[in-house]
Amino acid sequence: GRGRGVQRATVHRLLAQHPLVVHFRDDPAA
């Protein structure tokens, strides 16, 4: 969701350090 960006920040923090994640980016369509 968009909102204030709290959930997005939580998700991105986790993805940035997750050992199985190679790359992540915002979905431009969303």
PDB file of all heavy atoms in Angstrom:
ATOM      1  N   GLY A   1       0.819  -1.208   0.000  1.00  0.00           N
ATOM      2  CA  GLY A   1       0.000   0.000   0.000  1.00  0.00           C
ATOM      3  C   GLY A   1       0.853   1.258   0.000  1.00  0.00           C
ATOM      4  O   GLY A   1       2.060   1.210   0.227  1.00  0.00           O
ATOM      5  N   ARG A   2       0.218   2.390  -0.257  1.00  0.00           N
ATOM      6  CA  ARG A   2       0.960   3.653  -0.343  1.00  0.00           C
ATOM      7  C   ARG A   2       0.964   4.391   0.981  1.00  0.00           C
ATOM      8  O   ARG A   2       1.988   4.601   1.564  1.00  0.00           O
ATOM      9  CB  ARG A   2       0.382   4.533  -1.447  1.00  0.00           C
ATOM     10  CG  ARG A   2       0.637   3.929  -2.805  1.00  0.00           C
ATOM     11  CD  ARG A   2       0.196   4.818  -3.907  1.00  0.00           C
ATOM     12  NE  ARG A   2      -1.226   5.110  -3.824  1.00  0.00           N
ATOM     13  CZ  ARG A   2      -1.904   5.716  -4.744  1.00  0.00           C
ATOM     14  NH1 ARG A   2      -1.298   6.120  -5.830  1.00  0.00           N
ATOM     15  NH2 ARG A   2      -3.181   5.943  -4.613  1.00  0.00           N
ATOM     16  N   GLY A   3      -0.146   4.835   1.451  1.00  0.00           N
ATOM     17  CA  GLY A   3      -0.237   5.510   2.744  1.00  0.00           C
ATOM     18  C   GLY A   3       0.911   6.455   3.039  1.00  0.00           C
ATOM     19  O   GLY A   3       1.340   7.227   2.202  1.00  0.00           O
ATOM     20  N   ARG A   4       1.427   6.360   4.262  1.00  0.00           N
ATOM     21  CA  ARG A   4       2.556   7.207   4.697  1.00  0.00           C
ATOM     22  C   ARG A   4       3.910   6.568   4.410  1.00  0.00           C
ATOM     23  O   ARG A   4       4.942   7.143   4.711  1.00  0.00           O
ATOM     24  CB  ARG A   4       2.432   7.505   6.185  1.00  0.00           C
ATOM     25  CG  ARG A   4       1.192   8.317   6.537  1.00  0.00           C
ATOM     26  CD  ARG A   4       1.165   8.684   8.000  1.00  0.00           C
ATOM     27  NE  ARG A   4       1.743   7.636   8.837  1.00  0.00           N
ATOM     28  CZ  ARG A   4       1.226   7.181   9.959  1.00  0.00           C
ATOM     29  NH1 ARG A   4       0.106   7.678  10.405  1.00  0.00           N
ATOM     30  NH2 ARG A   4       1.826   6.257  10.657  1.00  0.00           N
ATOM     31  N   GLY A   5       3.903   5.346   3.921  1.00  0.00           N
ATOM     32  CA  GLY A   5       5.155   4.684   3.570  1.00  0.00           C
ATOM     33  C   GLY A   5       5.783   3.859   4.674  1.00  0.00           C
ATOM     34  O   GLY A   5       6.899   3.367   4.517  1.00  0.00           O
ATOM     35  N   VAL A   6       5.071   3.675   5.776  1.00  0.00           N
ATOM     36  CA  VAL A   6       5.632   2.924   6.904  1.00  0.00           C
ATOM     37  C   VAL A   6       5.816   1.451   6.544  1.00  0.00           C
ATOM     38  O   VAL A   6       6.882   0.873   6.786  1.00  0.00           O
ATOM     39  CB  VAL A   6       4.747   3.078   8.163  1.00  0.00           C
ATOM     40  CG1 VAL A   6       5.255   2.213   9.295  1.00  0.00           C
ATOM     41  CG2 VAL A   6       4.677   4.538   8.577  1.00  0.00           C
ATOM     42  N   GLN A   7       4.784   0.844   5.954  1.00  0.00           N
ATOM     43  CA  GLN A   7       4.884  -0.579   5.587  1.00  0.00           C
ATOM     44  C   GLN A   7       5.951  -0.776   4.504  1.00  0.00           C
ATOM     45  O   GLN A   7       6.718  -1.732   4.545  1.00  0.00           O
ATOM     46  CB  GLN A   7       3.542  -1.117   5.072  1.00  0.00           C
ATOM     47  CG  GLN A   7       2.432  -1.042   6.076  1.00  0.00           C
ATOM     48  CD  GLN A   7       2.594  -1.998   7.243  1.00  0.00           C
ATOM     49  OE1 GLN A   7       3.698  -2.323   7.677  1.00  0.00           O
ATOM     50  NE2 GLN A   7       1.493  -2.430   7.779  1.00  0.00           N
ATOM     51  N   ARG A   8       5.993   0.141   3.545  1.00  0.00           N
ATOM     52  CA  ARG A   8       6.984   0.062   2.475  1.00  0.00           C
ATOM     53  C   ARG A   8       8.389   0.101   3.075  1.00  0.00           C
ATOM     54  O   ARG A   8       9.266  -0.680   2.700  1.00  0.00           O
ATOM     55  CB  ARG A   8       6.795   1.211   1.494  1.00  0.00           C
ATOM     56  CG  ARG A   8       7.812   1.245   0.381  1.00  0.00           C
ATOM     57  CD  ARG A   8       7.523   2.442  -0.552  1.00  0.00           C
ATOM     58  NE  ARG A   8       8.577   2.613  -1.520  1.00  0.00           N
ATOM     59  CZ  ARG A   8       9.662   3.351  -1.339  1.00  0.00           C
ATOM     60  NH1 ARG A   8       9.832   4.026  -0.207  1.00  0.00           N
ATOM     61  NH2 ARG A   8      10.579   3.442  -2.270  1.00  0.00           N
ATOM     62  N   ALA A   9       8.621   0.993   4.014  1.00  0.00           N
ATOM     63  CA  ALA A   9       9.932   1.102   4.654  1.00  0.00           C
ATOM     64  C   ALA A   9      10.293  -0.176   5.404  1.00  0.00           C
ATOM     65  O   ALA A   9      11.435  -0.643   5.340  1.00  0.00           O
ATOM     66  CB  ALA A   9       9.963   2.300   5.596  1.00  0.00           C
ATOM     67  N   THR A  10       9.332  -0.758   6.100  1.00  0.00           N
ATOM     68  CA  THR A  10       9.569  -2.014   6.822  1.00  0.00           C
ATOM     69  C   THR A  10       9.950  -3.117   5.848  1.00  0.00           C
ATOM     70  O   THR A  10      10.915  -3.855   6.066  1.00  0.00           O
ATOM     71  CB  THR A  10       8.312  -2.425   7.621  1.00  0.00           C
ATOM     72  OG1 THR A  10       8.022  -1.414   8.580  1.00  0.00           O
ATOM     73  CG2 THR A  10       8.494  -3.764   8.313  1.00  0.00           C
ATOM     74  N   VAL A  11       9.195  -3.225   4.760  1.00  0.00           N
ATOM     75  CA  VAL A  11       9.454  -4.251   3.747  1.00  0.00           C
ATOM     76  C   VAL A  11      10.825  -4.030   3.120  1.00  0.00           C
ATOM     77  O   VAL A  11      11.622  -4.969   3.008  1.00  0.00           O
ATOM     78  CB  VAL A  11       8.335  -4.249   2.679  1.00  0.00           C
ATOM     79  CG1 VAL A  11       8.722  -5.096   1.475  1.00  0.00           C
ATOM     80  CG2 VAL A  11       7.025  -4.743   3.288  1.00  0.00           C
ATOM     81  N   HIS A  12      11.143  -2.813   2.739  1.00  0.00           N
ATOM     82  CA  HIS A  12      12.419  -2.534   2.082  1.00  0.00           C
ATOM     83  C   HIS A  12      13.608  -2.770   3.017  1.00  0.00           C
ATOM     84  O   HIS A  12      14.656  -3.260   2.573  1.00  0.00           O
ATOM     85  CB  HIS A  12      12.435  -1.113   1.519  1.00  0.00           C
ATOM     86  CG  HIS A  12      11.645  -0.988   0.261  1.00  0.00           C
ATOM     87  ND1 HIS A  12      11.879   0.003  -0.656  1.00  0.00           N
ATOM     88  CD2 HIS A  12      10.612  -1.726  -0.238  1.00  0.00           C
ATOM     89  CE1 HIS A  12      11.032  -0.138  -1.668  1.00  0.00           C
ATOM     90  NE2 HIS A  12      10.251  -1.181  -1.426  1.00  0.00           N
ATOM     91  N   ARG A  13      13.456  -2.458   4.292  1.00  0.00           N
ATOM     92  CA  ARG A  13      14.526  -2.732   5.266  1.00  0.00           C
ATOM     93  C   ARG A  13      14.820  -4.224   5.327  1.00  0.00           C
ATOM     94  O   ARG A  13      15.978  -4.647   5.329  1.00  0.00           O
ATOM     95  CB  ARG A  13      14.119  -2.221   6.651  1.00  0.00           C
ATOM     96  CG  ARG A  13      14.907  -1.037   7.138  1.00  0.00           C
ATOM     97  CD  ARG A  13      14.664  -0.685   8.586  1.00  0.00           C
ATOM     98  NE  ARG A  13      13.322  -0.870   9.100  1.00  0.00           N
ATOM     99  CZ  ARG A  13      12.338   0.028   9.000  1.00  0.00           C
ATOM    100  NH1 ARG A  13      12.538   1.181   8.394  1.00  0.00           N
ATOM    101  NH2 ARG A  13      11.156  -0.209   9.506  1.00  0.00           N
ATOM    102  N   LEU A  14      13.764  -5.018   5.392  1.00  0.00           N
ATOM    103  CA  LEU A  14      13.941  -6.465   5.465  1.00  0.00           C
ATOM    104  C   LEU A  14      14.563  -6.994   4.173  1.00  0.00           C
ATOM    105  O   LEU A  14      15.504  -7.790   4.209  1.00  0.00           O
ATOM    106  CB  LEU A  14      12.599  -7.159   5.713  1.00  0.00           C
ATOM    107  CG  LEU A  14      12.733  -8.672   5.760  1.00  0.00           C
ATOM    108  CD1 LEU A  14      12.540  -9.164   7.160  1.00  0.00           C
ATOM    109  CD2 LEU A  14      11.790  -9.336   4.810  1.00  0.00           C
ATOM    110  N   LEU A  15      14.070  -6.536   3.024  1.00  0.00           N
ATOM    111  CA  LEU A  15      14.587  -7.015   1.741  1.00  0.00           C
ATOM    112  C   LEU A  15      16.058  -6.666   1.555  1.00  0.00           C
ATOM    113  O   LEU A  15      16.819  -7.452   0.979  1.00  0.00           O
ATOM    114  CB  LEU A  15      13.766  -6.422   0.591  1.00  0.00           C
ATOM    115  CG  LEU A  15      12.291  -6.842   0.531  1.00  0.00           C
ATOM    116  CD1 LEU A  15      11.581  -6.079  -0.583  1.00  0.00           C
ATOM    117  CD2 LEU A  15      12.139  -8.346   0.360  1.00  0.00           C
ATOM    118  N   ALA A  16      16.468  -5.503   2.031  1.00  0.00           N
ATOM    119  CA  ALA A  16      17.843  -5.046   1.858  1.00  0.00           C
ATOM    120  C   ALA A  16      18.856  -5.956   2.546  1.00  0.00           C
ATOM    121  O   ALA A  16      20.010  -6.037   2.121  1.00  0.00           O
ATOM    122  CB  ALA A  16      17.997  -3.615   2.380  1.00  0.00           C
ATOM    123  N   GLN A  17      18.430  -6.659   3.569  1.00  0.00           N
ATOM    124  CA  GLN A  17      19.364  -7.525   4.297  1.00  0.00           C
ATOM    125  C   GLN A  17      19.038  -9.016   4.185  1.00  0.00           C
ATOM    126  O   GLN A  17      19.723  -9.840   4.772  1.00  0.00           O
ATOM    127  CB  GLN A  17      19.410  -7.109   5.764  1.00  0.00           C
ATOM    128  CG  GLN A  17      18.099  -7.207   6.474  1.00  0.00           C
ATOM    129  CD  GLN A  17      18.151  -6.604   7.866  1.00  0.00           C
ATOM    130  OE1 GLN A  17      19.174  -6.122   8.312  1.00  0.00           O
ATOM    131  NE2 GLN A  17      17.024  -6.622   8.552  1.00  0.00           N
ATOM    132  N   HIS A  18      17.997  -9.359   3.411  1.00  0.00           N
ATOM    133  CA  HIS A  18      17.581 -10.759   3.331  1.00  0.00           C
ATOM    134  C   HIS A  18      18.549 -11.559   2.457  1.00  0.00           C
ATOM    135  O   HIS A  18      18.847 -11.163   1.340  1.00  0.00           O
ATOM    136  CB  HIS A  18      16.154 -10.865   2.781  1.00  0.00           C
ATOM    137  CG  HIS A  18      15.503 -12.145   3.154  1.00  0.00           C
ATOM    138  ND1 HIS A  18      15.848 -13.337   2.574  1.00  0.00           N
ATOM    139  CD2 HIS A  18      14.548 -12.426   4.069  1.00  0.00           C
ATOM    140  CE1 HIS A  18      15.122 -14.302   3.105  1.00  0.00           C
ATOM    141  NE2 HIS A  18      14.327 -13.772   4.022  1.00  0.00           N
ATOM    142  N   PRO A  19      19.032 -12.711   2.935  1.00  0.00           N
ATOM    143  CA  PRO A  19      20.024 -13.485   2.188  1.00  0.00           C
ATOM    144  C   PRO A  19      19.503 -14.090   0.875  1.00  0.00           C
ATOM    145  O   PRO A  19      20.299 -14.433   0.003  1.00  0.00           O
ATOM    146  CB  PRO A  19      20.440 -14.587   3.169  1.00  0.00           C
ATOM    147  CG  PRO A  19      19.312 -14.691   4.137  1.00  0.00           C
ATOM    148  CD  PRO A  19      18.718 -13.314   4.234  1.00  0.00           C
ATOM    149  N   LEU A  20      18.198 -14.234   0.713  1.00  0.00           N
ATOM    150  CA  LEU A  20      17.652 -14.826  -0.512  1.00  0.00           C
ATOM    151  C   LEU A  20      17.289 -13.789  -1.569  1.00  0.00           C
ATOM    152  O   LEU A  20      16.955 -14.140  -2.692  1.00  0.00           O
ATOM    153  CB  LEU A  20      16.411 -15.669  -0.184  1.00  0.00           C
ATOM    154  CG  LEU A  20      16.651 -16.882   0.708  1.00  0.00           C
ATOM    155  CD1 LEU A  20      15.340 -17.575   1.035  1.00  0.00           C
ATOM    156  CD2 LEU A  20      17.629 -17.846   0.061  1.00  0.00           C
ATOM    157  N   VAL A  21      17.362 -12.506  -1.218  1.00  0.00           N
ATOM    158  CA  VAL A  21      16.964 -11.439  -2.134  1.00  0.00           C
ATOM    159  C   VAL A  21      18.175 -10.936  -2.918  1.00  0.00           C
ATOM    160  O   VAL A  21      19.181 -10.532  -2.345  1.00  0.00           O
ATOM    161  CB  VAL A  21      16.303 -10.273  -1.367  1.00  0.00           C
ATOM    162  CG1 VAL A  21      16.030  -9.095  -2.294  1.00  0.00           C
ATOM    163  CG2 VAL A  21      15.017 -10.744  -0.710  1.00  0.00           C
ATOM    164  N   VAL A  22      18.042 -10.972  -4.244  1.00  0.00           N
ATOM    165  CA  VAL A  22      19.083 -10.467  -5.131  1.00  0.00           C
ATOM    166  C   VAL A  22      18.849  -8.990  -5.416  1.00  0.00           C
ATOM    167  O   VAL A  22      19.773  -8.189  -5.418  1.00  0.00           O
ATOM    168  CB  VAL A  22      19.092 -11.253  -6.463  1.00  0.00           C
ATOM    169  CG1 VAL A  22      20.045 -10.628  -7.468  1.00  0.00           C
ATOM    170  CG2 VAL A  22      19.427 -12.702  -6.230  1.00  0.00           C
ATOM    171  N   HIS A  23      17.600  -8.638  -5.660  1.00  0.00           N
ATOM    172  CA  HIS A  23      17.257  -7.280  -6.073  1.00  0.00           C
ATOM    173  C   HIS A  23      15.790  -7.012  -5.735  1.00  0.00           C
ATOM    174  O   HIS A  23      14.973  -7.926  -5.761  1.00  0.00           O
ATOM    175  CB  HIS A  23      17.480  -7.144  -7.584  1.00  0.00           C
ATOM    176  CG  HIS A  23      17.120  -5.822  -8.143  1.00  0.00           C
ATOM    177  ND1 HIS A  23      17.891  -4.696  -7.952  1.00  0.00           N
ATOM    178  CD2 HIS A  23      16.059  -5.437  -8.878  1.00  0.00           C
ATOM    179  CE1 HIS A  23      17.306  -3.682  -8.562  1.00  0.00           C
ATOM    180  NE2 HIS A  23      16.210  -4.103  -9.128  1.00  0.00           N
ATOM    181  N   PHE A  24      15.477  -5.753  -5.433  1.00  0.00           N
ATOM    182  CA  PHE A  24      14.084  -5.349  -5.273  1.00  0.00           C
ATOM    183  C   PHE A  24      13.936  -3.918  -5.742  1.00  0.00           C
ATOM    184  O   PHE A  24      14.902  -3.157  -5.767  1.00  0.00           O
ATOM    185  CB  PHE A  24      13.595  -5.516  -3.827  1.00  0.00           C
ATOM    186  CG  PHE A  24      14.268  -4.620  -2.832  1.00  0.00           C
ATOM    187  CD1 PHE A  24      13.729  -3.383  -2.506  1.00  0.00           C
ATOM    188  CD2 PHE A  24      15.443  -4.997  -2.203  1.00  0.00           C
ATOM    189  CE1 PHE A  24      14.334  -2.558  -1.580  1.00  0.00           C
ATOM    190  CE2 PHE A  24      16.063  -4.183  -1.277  1.00  0.00           C
ATOM    191  CZ  PHE A  24      15.509  -2.955  -0.967  1.00  0.00           C
ATOM    192  N   ARG A  25      12.708  -3.576  -6.159  1.00  0.00           N
ATOM    193  CA  ARG A  25      12.427  -2.223  -6.631  1.00  0.00           C
ATOM    194  C   ARG A  25      10.936  -1.960  -6.515  1.00  0.00           C
ATOM    195  O   ARG A  25      10.131  -2.897  -6.456  1.00  0.00           O
ATOM    196  CB  ARG A  25      12.887  -2.037  -8.077  1.00  0.00           C
ATOM    197  CG  ARG A  25      12.153  -2.926  -9.069  1.00  0.00           C
ATOM    198  CD  ARG A  25      12.749  -2.782 -10.473  1.00  0.00           C
ATOM    199  NE  ARG A  25      12.179  -3.755 -11.389  1.00  0.00           N
ATOM    200  CZ  ARG A  25      11.133  -3.526 -12.169  1.00  0.00           C
ATOM    201  NH1 ARG A  25      10.532  -2.362 -12.157  1.00  0.00           N
ATOM    202  NH2 ARG A  25      10.684  -4.465 -12.975  1.00  0.00           N
ATOM    203  N   ASP A  26      10.583  -0.694  -6.487  1.00  0.00           N
ATOM    204  CA  ASP A  26       9.174  -0.339  -6.487  1.00  0.00           C
ATOM    205  C   ASP A  26       8.549  -0.784  -7.799  1.00  0.00           C
ATOM    206  O   ASP A  26       9.171  -0.688  -8.860  1.00  0.00           O
ATOM    207  CB  ASP A  26       9.001   1.175  -6.332  1.00  0.00           C
ATOM    208  CG  ASP A  26       9.392   1.661  -4.950  1.00  0.00           C
ATOM    209  OD1 ASP A  26       8.993   1.021  -3.966  1.00  0.00           O
ATOM    210  OD2 ASP A  26      10.102   2.680  -4.857  1.00  0.00           O
ATOM    211  N   ASP A  27       7.330  -1.270  -7.725  1.00  0.00           N
ATOM    212  CA  ASP A  27       6.588  -1.640  -8.923  1.00  0.00           C
ATOM    213  C   ASP A  27       6.063  -0.354  -9.550  1.00  0.00           C
ATOM    214  O   ASP A  27       5.227   0.324  -8.943  1.00  0.00           O
ATOM    215  CB  ASP A  27       5.435  -2.575  -8.550  1.00  0.00           C
ATOM    216  CG  ASP A  27       4.618  -3.019  -9.750  1.00  0.00           C
ATOM    217  OD1 ASP A  27       4.859  -2.524 -10.876  1.00  0.00           O
ATOM    218  OD2 ASP A  27       3.729  -3.864  -9.562  1.00  0.00           O
ATOM    219  N   PRO A  28       6.548   0.034 -10.727  1.00  0.00           N
ATOM    220  CA  PRO A  28       6.134   1.307 -11.309  1.00  0.00           C
ATOM    221  C   PRO A  28       4.633   1.379 -11.594  1.00  0.00           C
ATOM    222  O   PRO A  28       4.063   2.463 -11.584  1.00  0.00           O
ATOM    223  CB  PRO A  28       6.950   1.409 -12.604  1.00  0.00           C
ATOM    224  CG  PRO A  28       7.471   0.047 -12.873  1.00  0.00           C
ATOM    225  CD  PRO A  28       7.484  -0.689 -11.568  1.00  0.00           C
ATOM    226  N   ALA A  29       3.990   0.242 -11.795  1.00  0.00           N
ATOM    227  CA  ALA A  29       2.555   0.232 -12.064  1.00  0.00           C
ATOM    228  C   ALA A  29       1.725   0.477 -10.804  1.00  0.00           C
ATOM    229  O   ALA A  29       0.535   0.767 -10.884  1.00  0.00           O
ATOM    230  CB  ALA A  29       2.150  -1.105 -12.687  1.00  0.00           C
ATOM    231  N   ALA A  30       2.340   0.373  -9.628  1.00  0.00           N
ATOM    232  CA  ALA A  30       1.603   0.485  -8.366  1.00  0.00           C
ATOM    233  C   ALA A  30       1.795   1.830  -7.680  1.00  0.00           C
ATOM    234  O   ALA A  30       1.284   2.036  -6.585  1.00  0.00           O
ATOM    235  CB  ALA A  30       2.023  -0.629  -7.418  1.00  0.00           C
TER     236      ALA A  30
END
